[in-house]
C-alpha atoms as a PDB file:
ATOM      1  CA  MET A   1     -14.870 -11.467 -36.415  1.00  0.00           C
ATOM      2  CA  PRO A   2     -12.239 -11.038 -33.675  1.00  0.00           C
ATOM      3  CA  ARG A   3     -13.341  -9.172 -30.606  1.00  0.00           C
ATOM      4  CA  LYS A   4     -11.936  -5.651 -30.387  1.00  0.00           C
ATOM      5  CA  LYS A   5      -9.523  -5.281 -27.480  1.00  0.00           C
ATOM      6  CA  ALA A   6     -10.867  -2.905 -24.831  1.00  0.00           C
ATOM      7  CA  SER A   7      -8.925   0.272 -24.164  1.00  0.00           C
ATOM      8  CA  PRO A   8      -7.287   0.447 -20.727  1.00  0.00           C
ATOM      9  CA  VAL A   9      -9.459   2.170 -18.148  1.00  0.00           C
ATOM     10  CA  ILE A  10      -7.803   5.286 -16.754  1.00  0.00           C
ATOM     11  CA  HIS A  11      -8.688   6.063 -13.156  1.00  0.00           C
ATOM     12  CA  PRO A  12      -9.929   9.633 -12.481  1.00  0.00           C
ATOM     13  CA  PHE A  13      -6.854  10.167 -10.278  1.00  0.00           C
ATOM     14  CA  ASP A  14      -4.608   9.654 -13.310  1.00  0.00           C
ATOM     15  CA  GLN A  15      -6.840  11.750 -15.528  1.00  0.00           C
ATOM     16  CA  LEU A  16      -6.468  14.631 -13.092  1.00  0.00           C
ATOM     17  CA  HIS A  17      -2.733  14.367 -12.477  1.00  0.00           C
ATOM     18  CA  GLY A  18      -1.356  12.845 -15.688  1.00  0.00           C
ATOM     19  CA  THR A  19       0.129   9.943 -13.744  1.00  0.00           C
ATOM     20  CA  ASP A  20       0.147   6.235 -14.602  1.00  0.00           C
ATOM     21  CA  THR A  21      -1.208   4.298 -11.616  1.00  0.00           C
ATOM     22  CA  SER A  22      -4.151   2.536 -13.285  1.00  0.00           C
ATOM     23  CA  GLY A  23      -4.509  -1.036 -14.466  1.00  0.00           C
ATOM     24  CA  LEU A  24      -4.342  -4.521 -13.037  1.00  0.00           C
ATOM     25  CA  ILE A  25      -1.033  -6.380 -13.403  1.00  0.00           C
ATOM     26  CA  PRO A  26      -1.069 -10.055 -12.409  1.00  0.00           C
ATOM     27  CA  GLY A  27       1.453 -11.576 -10.048  1.00  0.00           C
ATOM     28  CA  THR A  28       2.708 -13.788 -12.901  1.00  0.00           C
ATOM     29  CA  THR A  29       3.997 -10.598 -14.547  1.00  0.00           C
ATOM     30  CA  ILE A  30       5.272  -8.925 -11.381  1.00  0.00           C
ATOM     31  CA  VAL A  31       7.356 -11.961 -10.393  1.00  0.00           C
ATOM     32  CA  ARG A  32       9.535 -11.741 -13.528  1.00  0.00           C
ATOM     33  CA  GLY A  33      13.075 -10.651 -12.770  1.00  0.00           C
ATOM     34  CA  THR A  34      12.595 -10.985  -9.002  1.00  0.00           C
ATOM     35  CA  ASN A  35      13.674 -13.577  -6.457  1.00  0.00           C
ATOM     36  CA  ALA A  36      10.072 -14.230  -5.367  1.00  0.00           C
ATOM     37  CA  ARG A  37       7.855 -17.162  -6.295  1.00  0.00           C
ATOM     38  CA  VAL A  38       4.658 -16.526  -8.191  1.00  0.00           C
ATOM     39  CA  GLU A  39       2.539 -18.067  -5.426  1.00  0.00           C
ATOM     40  CA  GLU A  40       3.908 -15.484  -2.964  1.00  0.00           C
ATOM     41  CA  LEU A  41       2.752 -12.376  -4.851  1.00  0.00           C
ATOM     42  CA  THR A  42      -0.615 -10.858  -5.641  1.00  0.00           C
ATOM     43  CA  ALA A  43      -1.631  -8.621  -8.533  1.00  0.00           C
ATOM     44  CA  TYR A  44      -0.859  -4.918  -8.691  1.00  0.00           C
ATOM     45  CA  TYR A  45      -3.955  -2.745  -8.474  1.00  0.00           C
ATOM     46  CA  GLY A  46      -3.801   0.816  -7.189  1.00  0.00           C
ATOM     47  CA  VAL A  47      -5.667   1.461  -3.951  1.00  0.00           C
ATOM     48  CA  ALA A  48      -8.807   3.571  -4.315  1.00  0.00           C
ATOM     49  CA  PRO A  49      -7.932   7.103  -3.149  1.00  0.00           C
ATOM     50  CA  SER A  50     -11.060   7.248  -0.986  1.00  0.00           C
ATOM     51  CA  ILE A  51     -10.052   4.028   0.800  1.00  0.00           C
ATOM     52  CA  LEU A  52      -6.589   5.273   1.718  1.00  0.00           C
ATOM     53  CA  HIS A  53      -7.845   8.717   2.731  1.00  0.00           C
ATOM     54  CA  SER A  54     -10.463   7.121   5.006  1.00  0.00           C
ATOM     55  CA  LEU A  55      -7.880   4.797   6.575  1.00  0.00           C
ATOM     56  CA  LEU A  56      -5.400   7.591   7.243  1.00  0.00           C
ATOM     57  CA  ASP A  57      -8.076   9.900   8.614  1.00  0.00           C
ATOM     58  CA  HIS A  58      -9.366   7.179  10.943  1.00  0.00           C
ATOM     59  CA  TRP A  59      -5.854   6.379  12.153  1.00  0.00           C
ATOM     60  CA  LEU A  60      -5.144  10.041  12.866  1.00  0.00           C
ATOM     61  CA  GLN A  61      -8.463  10.981  14.424  1.00  0.00           C
ATOM     62  CA  HIS A  62      -9.451   7.900  16.404  1.00  0.00           C
ATOM     63  CA  LEU A  63      -6.494   5.580  17.097  1.00  0.00           C
ATOM     64  CA  GLU A  64      -4.078   7.844  19.001  1.00  0.00           C
ATOM     65  CA  PRO A  65      -0.840   7.257  17.077  1.00  0.00           C
ATOM     66  CA  ASN A  66       2.176   6.812  19.342  1.00  0.00           C
ATOM     67  CA  ALA A  67       4.028   9.662  17.642  1.00  0.00           C
ATOM     68  CA  PRO A  68       3.004  12.893  15.899  1.00  0.00           C
ATOM     69  CA  ILE A  69       2.468  12.503  12.164  1.00  0.00           C
ATOM     70  CA  GLU A  70       5.238  15.041  11.552  1.00  0.00           C
ATOM     71  CA  ASN A  71       7.690  12.552  13.113  1.00  0.00           C
ATOM     72  CA  THR A  72       6.261   9.474  11.392  1.00  0.00           C
ATOM     73  CA  VAL A  73       7.394   7.791   8.174  1.00  0.00           C
ATOM     74  CA  PHE A  74       4.667   6.369   5.926  1.00  0.00           C
ATOM     75  CA  MET A  75       5.905   3.204   4.190  1.00  0.00           C
ATOM     76  CA  ASP A  76       4.030   1.577   1.298  1.00  0.00           C
ATOM     77  CA  ILE A  77       5.020  -2.087   1.192  1.00  0.00           C
ATOM     78  CA  GLY A  78       4.691  -3.326  -2.374  1.00  0.00           C
ATOM     79  CA  ALA A  79       4.351   0.174  -3.792  1.00  0.00           C
ATOM     80  CA  GLY A  80       3.573  -0.886  -7.366  1.00  0.00           C
ATOM     81  CA  LYS A  81       3.085   2.189  -9.540  1.00  0.00           C
ATOM     82  CA  GLY A  82       3.102   4.446  -6.493  1.00  0.00           C
ATOM     83  CA  ARG A  83      -0.478   5.674  -6.131  1.00  0.00           C
ATOM     84  CA  ALA A  84      -0.520   5.229  -2.341  1.00  0.00           C
ATOM     85  CA  LEU A  85       2.773   7.139  -2.076  1.00  0.00           C
ATOM     86  CA  LEU A  86       1.338  10.120  -3.921  1.00  0.00           C
ATOM     87  CA  LEU A  87      -1.831  10.113  -1.828  1.00  0.00           C
ATOM     88  CA  ALA A  88       0.054   9.765   1.466  1.00  0.00           C
ATOM     89  CA  SER A  89       2.294  12.686   0.566  1.00  0.00           C
ATOM     90  CA  GLN A  90      -0.773  14.923   0.922  1.00  0.00           C
ATOM     91  CA  TYR A  91      -0.506  14.350   4.684  1.00  0.00           C
ATOM     92  CA  PRO A  92       2.248  15.988   6.781  1.00  0.00           C
ATOM     93  CA  PHE A  93       4.341  12.857   7.370  1.00  0.00           C
ATOM     94  CA  GLN A  94       8.046  13.310   8.046  1.00  0.00           C
ATOM     95  CA  ARG A  95       8.488  11.529   4.730  1.00  0.00           C
ATOM     96  CA  VAL A  96       6.822   8.922   2.545  1.00  0.00           C
ATOM     97  CA  GLU A  97       8.731   5.831   1.381  1.00  0.00           C
ATOM     98  CA  GLY A  98       7.789   3.031  -0.972  1.00  0.00           C
ATOM     99  CA  ILE A  99       9.360  -0.391  -1.443  1.00  0.00           C
ATOM    100  CA  GLU A 100       8.793  -2.242  -4.710  1.00  0.00           C
ATOM    101  CA  LEU A 101      10.384  -5.543  -5.748  1.00  0.00           C
ATOM    102  CA  ASN A 102       9.648  -5.383  -9.481  1.00  0.00           C
ATOM    103  CA  GLN A 103      12.075  -3.149 -11.373  1.00  0.00           C
ATOM    104  CA  ASP A 104       9.611  -2.121 -14.093  1.00  0.00           C
ATOM    105  CA  LEU A 105       6.947  -1.117 -11.578  1.00  0.00           C
ATOM    106  CA  ALA A 106       9.544   0.743  -9.518  1.00  0.00           C
ATOM    107  CA  GLY A 107      10.509   2.681 -12.641  1.00  0.00           C
ATOM    108  CA  ILE A 108       6.886   3.643 -13.311  1.00  0.00           C
ATOM    109  CA  ALA A 109       6.459   4.676  -9.674  1.00  0.00           C
ATOM    110  CA  GLN A 110       9.540   6.889  -9.843  1.00  0.00           C
ATOM    111  CA  ALA A 111       8.260   8.538 -13.021  1.00  0.00           C
ATOM    112  CA  ASN A 112       4.958   9.204 -11.253  1.00  0.00           C
ATOM    113  CA  ILE A 113       6.784  10.704  -8.271  1.00  0.00           C
ATOM    114  CA  ASP A 114       8.713  13.004 -10.620  1.00  0.00           C
ATOM    115  CA  LEU A 115       5.468  14.110 -12.301  1.00  0.00           C
ATOM    116  CA  TRP A 116       3.805  14.640  -8.935  1.00  0.00           C
ATOM    117  CA  ALA A 117       6.593  16.947  -7.799  1.00  0.00           C
ATOM    118  CA  LYS A 118       5.766  19.299 -10.690  1.00  0.00           C
ATOM    119  CA  ASP A 119       1.972  19.083 -10.404  1.00  0.00           C
ATOM    120  CA  PRO A 120       0.412  22.209  -8.836  1.00  0.00           C
ATOM    121  CA  GLN A 121      -2.723  20.167  -8.054  1.00  0.00           C
ATOM    122  CA  ALA A 122      -0.797  17.588  -6.050  1.00  0.00           C
ATOM    123  CA  GLU A 123      -0.833  19.615  -2.806  1.00  0.00           C
ATOM    124  CA  ALA A 124       2.004  17.487  -1.464  1.00  0.00           C
ATOM    125  CA  LEU A 125       3.153  18.063   2.107  1.00  0.00           C
ATOM    126  CA  ALA A 126       5.749  15.287   2.495  1.00  0.00           C
ATOM    127  CA  PRO A 127       8.798  14.257   0.443  1.00  0.00           C
ATOM    128  CA  ILE A 128       8.682  10.876  -1.298  1.00  0.00           C
ATOM    129  CA  ALA A 129      11.423   8.258  -1.768  1.00  0.00           C
ATOM    130  CA  LEU A 130      11.070   5.017  -3.747  1.00  0.00           C
ATOM    131  CA  HIS A 131      13.261   1.974  -3.091  1.00  0.00           C
ATOM    132  CA  HIS A 132      13.614  -0.863  -5.597  1.00  0.00           C
ATOM    133  CA  ALA A 133      14.138  -3.488  -2.925  1.00  0.00           C
ATOM    134  CA  ASP A 134      12.850  -6.572  -1.107  1.00  0.00           C
ATOM    135  CA  ALA A 135      10.641  -5.442   1.783  1.00  0.00           C
ATOM    136  CA  THR A 136      11.504  -8.571   3.779  1.00  0.00           C
ATOM    137  CA  VAL A 137      15.108  -7.405   4.183  1.00  0.00           C
ATOM    138  CA  HIS A 138      14.994  -3.645   3.540  1.00  0.00           C
ATOM    139  CA  PRO A 139      15.929  -1.690   6.710  1.00  0.00           C
ATOM    140  CA  LEU A 140      13.185   0.040   8.631  1.00  0.00           C
ATOM    141  CA  PRO A 141      13.643   3.757   9.259  1.00  0.00           C
ATOM    142  CA  ASP A 142      14.962   4.880  12.646  1.00  0.00           C
ATOM    143  CA  ALA A 143      11.677   6.696  13.241  1.00  0.00           C
ATOM    144  CA  PRO A 144       8.049   5.881  14.015  1.00  0.00           C
ATOM    145  CA  VAL A 145       6.437   4.109  11.058  1.00  0.00           C
ATOM    146  CA  LEU A 146       2.986   3.662   9.608  1.00  0.00           C
ATOM    147  CA  ALA A 147       3.315   0.771   7.149  1.00  0.00           C
ATOM    148  CA  PHE A 148       0.627   0.349   4.496  1.00  0.00           C
ATOM    149  CA  LEU A 149      -0.131  -2.945   2.777  1.00  0.00           C
ATOM    150  CA  PHE A 150      -2.747  -3.250   0.060  1.00  0.00           C
ATOM    151  CA  HIS A 151      -2.620  -7.071   0.131  1.00  0.00           C
ATOM    152  CA  PRO A 152       0.715  -7.225  -1.749  1.00  0.00           C
ATOM    153  CA  PHE A 153       1.755 -10.646  -0.409  1.00  0.00           C
ATOM    154  CA  GLU A 154       0.332 -14.080  -0.020  1.00  0.00           C
ATOM    155  CA  LEU A 155       0.838 -15.769   3.333  1.00  0.00           C
ATOM    156  CA  PRO A 156       4.454 -17.068   3.002  1.00  0.00           C
ATOM    157  CA  LEU A 157       5.855 -13.670   2.018  1.00  0.00           C
ATOM    158  CA  LEU A 158       3.713 -11.823   4.555  1.00  0.00           C
ATOM    159  CA  LYS A 159       5.113 -14.098   7.278  1.00  0.00           C
ATOM    160  CA  ARG A 160       8.660 -13.176   6.227  1.00  0.00           C
ATOM    161  CA  TYR A 161       7.838  -9.477   6.192  1.00  0.00           C
ATOM    162  CA  VAL A 162       6.263  -9.588   9.663  1.00  0.00           C
ATOM    163  CA  ALA A 163       9.251 -11.565  11.006  1.00  0.00           C
ATOM    164  CA  HIS A 164      11.586  -8.942   9.535  1.00  0.00           C
ATOM    165  CA  VAL A 165       9.632  -6.143  11.221  1.00  0.00           C
ATOM    166  CA  GLU A 166       9.724  -7.906  14.575  1.00  0.00           C
ATOM    167  CA  GLN A 167      13.463  -8.568  14.336  1.00  0.00           C
ATOM    168  CA  SER A 168      14.132  -4.951  13.387  1.00  0.00           C
ATOM    169  CA  LEU A 169      12.000  -3.514  16.186  1.00  0.00           C
ATOM    170  CA  THR A 170      13.500  -5.882  18.755  1.00  0.00           C
ATOM    171  CA  ARG A 171      16.936  -4.489  17.897  1.00  0.00           C
ATOM    172  CA  ARG A 172      15.844  -0.847  17.553  1.00  0.00           C
ATOM    173  CA  PRO A 173      12.469  -0.255  19.225  1.00  0.00           C
ATOM    174  CA  HIS A 174      10.191   2.514  17.992  1.00  0.00           C
ATOM    175  CA  ALA A 175       6.502   3.025  17.260  1.00  0.00           C
ATOM    176  CA  PHE A 176       5.161   0.912  14.393  1.00  0.00           C
ATOM    177  CA  ASP A 177       1.588   0.702  13.128  1.00  0.00           C
ATOM    178  CA  LEU A 178       0.468  -1.360  10.145  1.00  0.00           C
ATOM    179  CA  ALA A 179      -2.572  -0.452   8.035  1.00  0.00           C
ATOM    180  CA  TYR A 180      -3.738  -3.477   6.031  1.00  0.00           C
ATOM    181  CA  ALA A 181      -6.266  -2.963   3.236  1.00  0.00           C
ATOM    182  CA  ASN A 182      -7.960  -5.961   1.615  1.00  0.00           C
ATOM    183  CA  ALA A 183      -6.827  -7.832   4.711  1.00  0.00           C
ATOM    184  CA  GLU A 184      -6.887 -11.352   3.296  1.00  0.00           C
ATOM    185  CA  HIS A 185      -4.421 -12.721   5.854  1.00  0.00           C
ATOM    186  CA  ASP A 186      -5.512 -10.767   8.926  1.00  0.00           C
ATOM    187  CA  SER A 187      -5.491 -13.984  10.983  1.00  0.00           C
ATOM    188  CA  LEU A 188      -1.676 -14.068  10.812  1.00  0.00           C
ATOM    189  CA  LEU A 189      -1.463 -10.698  12.537  1.00  0.00           C
ATOM    190  CA  ASP A 190      -4.404 -11.413  14.848  1.00  0.00           C
ATOM    191  CA  ARG A 191      -2.545 -14.451  16.207  1.00  0.00           C
ATOM    192  CA  HIS A 192       0.883 -12.792  16.327  1.00  0.00           C
ATOM    193  CA  PRO A 193       2.088 -12.209  19.906  1.00  0.00           C
ATOM    194  CA  ALA A 194       3.931  -8.995  19.022  1.00  0.00           C
ATOM    195  CA  PHE A 195       1.011  -7.221  17.292  1.00  0.00           C
ATOM    196  CA  ARG A 196      -2.350  -6.017  18.560  1.00  0.00           C
ATOM    197  CA  ARG A 197      -5.275  -5.209  16.313  1.00  0.00           C
ATOM    198  CA  ILE A 198      -6.519  -1.726  17.200  1.00  0.00           C
ATOM    199  CA  TRP A 199      -9.245  -1.481  14.565  1.00  0.00           C
ATOM    200  CA  MET A 200     -11.004  -3.457  11.841  1.00  0.00           C
ATOM    201  CA  GLY A 201     -13.879  -2.583   9.546  1.00  0.00           C
ATOM    202  CA  ARG A 202     -15.130  -2.306   6.001  1.00  0.00           C
ATOM    203  CA  VAL A 203     -14.133   0.967   4.337  1.00  0.00           C
ATOM    204  CA  ALA A 204     -16.403   2.228   1.563  1.00  0.00           C
ATOM    205  CA  MET A 205     -15.150   3.645  -1.719  1.00  0.00           C
ATOM    206  CA  SER A 206     -16.449   6.909  -3.072  1.00  0.00           C
ATOM    207  CA  THR A 207     -18.932   6.606  -5.927  1.00  0.00           C
ATOM    208  CA  ASP A 208     -16.295   7.709  -8.458  1.00  0.00           C
ATOM    209  CA  ASP A 209     -13.799   5.160  -7.169  1.00  0.00           C
ATOM    210  CA  HIS A 210     -16.376   2.364  -7.282  1.00  0.00           C
ATOM    211  CA  ILE A 211     -17.377   3.211 -10.852  1.00  0.00           C
ATOM    212  CA  ALA A 212     -13.697   3.222 -11.867  1.00  0.00           C
ATOM    213  CA  ASP A 213     -13.170  -0.057 -10.008  1.00  0.00           C
ATOM    214  CA  LEU A 214     -16.036  -1.783 -11.803  1.00  0.00           C
ATOM    215  CA  ALA A 215     -14.829  -0.540 -15.193  1.00  0.00           C
ATOM    216  CA  ALA A 216     -11.235  -1.598 -14.589  1.00  0.00           C
ATOM    217  CA  ILE A 217     -12.081  -5.180 -13.654  1.00  0.00           C
ATOM    218  CA  ALA A 218     -15.025  -5.666 -16.020  1.00  0.00           C
ATOM    219  CA  GLU A 219     -13.116  -8.209 -18.112  1.00  0.00           C
ATOM    220  CA  GLN A 220     -11.231  -9.813 -15.224  1.00  0.00           C
ATOM    221  CA  LYS A 221     -13.424 -12.780 -14.343  1.00  0.00           C
ATOM    222  CA  GLU A 222     -11.382 -13.702 -11.267  1.00  0.00           C
ATOM    223  CA  TYR A 223     -11.934 -10.301  -9.636  1.00  0.00           C
ATOM    224  CA  GLY A 224     -14.975  -8.449  -8.378  1.00  0.00           C
ATOM    225  CA  SER A 225     -15.817  -5.215  -6.614  1.00  0.00           C
ATOM    226  CA  THR A 226     -18.163  -4.755  -3.682  1.00  0.00           C
ATOM    227  CA  GLY A 227     -17.472  -1.046  -3.370  1.00  0.00           C
ATOM    228  CA  ASP A 228     -15.562  -1.455  -0.122  1.00  0.00           C
ATOM    229  CA  GLU A 229     -12.488  -3.127   1.356  1.00  0.00           C
ATOM    230  CA  LEU A 230     -11.991  -5.039   4.584  1.00  0.00           C
ATOM    231  CA  CYS A 231      -9.270  -3.127   6.407  1.00  0.00           C
ATOM    232  CA  ALA A 232      -7.437  -3.551   9.693  1.00  0.00           C
ATOM    233  CA  ILE A 233      -4.873  -1.536  11.624  1.00  0.00           C
ATOM    234  CA  TYR A 234      -2.350  -3.203  13.905  1.00  0.00           C
ATOM    235  CA  ARG A 235       0.077  -1.811  16.472  1.00  0.00           C
ATOM    236  CA  TYR A 236       3.411  -3.387  17.309  1.00  0.00           C
ATOM    237  CA  THR A 237       3.543  -4.002  21.051  1.00  0.00           C
ATOM    238  CA  GLY A 238       6.384  -6.524  21.295  1.00  0.00           C
ATOM    239  CA  ARG A 239       6.097  -9.902  22.943  1.00  0.00           C
ATOM    240  CA  SER A 240       5.114  -9.851  26.584  1.00  0.00           C
ATOM    241  CA  SER A 241       7.812 -11.251  28.846  1.00  0.00           C
END
């Protein structure tokens, strides 16, 4: 008798807000219709809300950002379905921007943003904009930036993104911090002469997020959940002369 296909697991965040940010989408699917190579991309999986909240709170309270949050643009690099954008909009950033290479995911993210704008439980404080674009060439804002990466790229694409950031900030200097969750390629940034690591640690999920995480990846043999993520925050300092 054929095995019954399991129903998709809906994260509590989506249950509360009616959004669609759940699920795990492999890089082999995301790469379709893009100019990337499959070995450059990772899977889409929405960041646990408790992880992002903890990262943002730590950045604000302990790492002395170079600009007030009200003047800073939050940028989600590899925005996927947009969960991090929605969560970040609950902080008083100047604005929140997402960059997503895959057209289908960008469309889902935009639909989620539209739903969020009408949700009285969203408690949004910052406007959100979504760009269907390649983050390795998309212009940086002319404002202080906090970039967020939830391990969207494998090493070759991450190298191109970091090179793009350095080139942009060399031409038009401004404050730039990078929050990296599931920091698989932290050594690239640790060795980079234009970036300085200002914090690293394991960030724990809430109990609800961990339960949802375990349920979502229960049938994905190549993935596991420890209930936390290795995270790092870097600050662009430029190359010393």
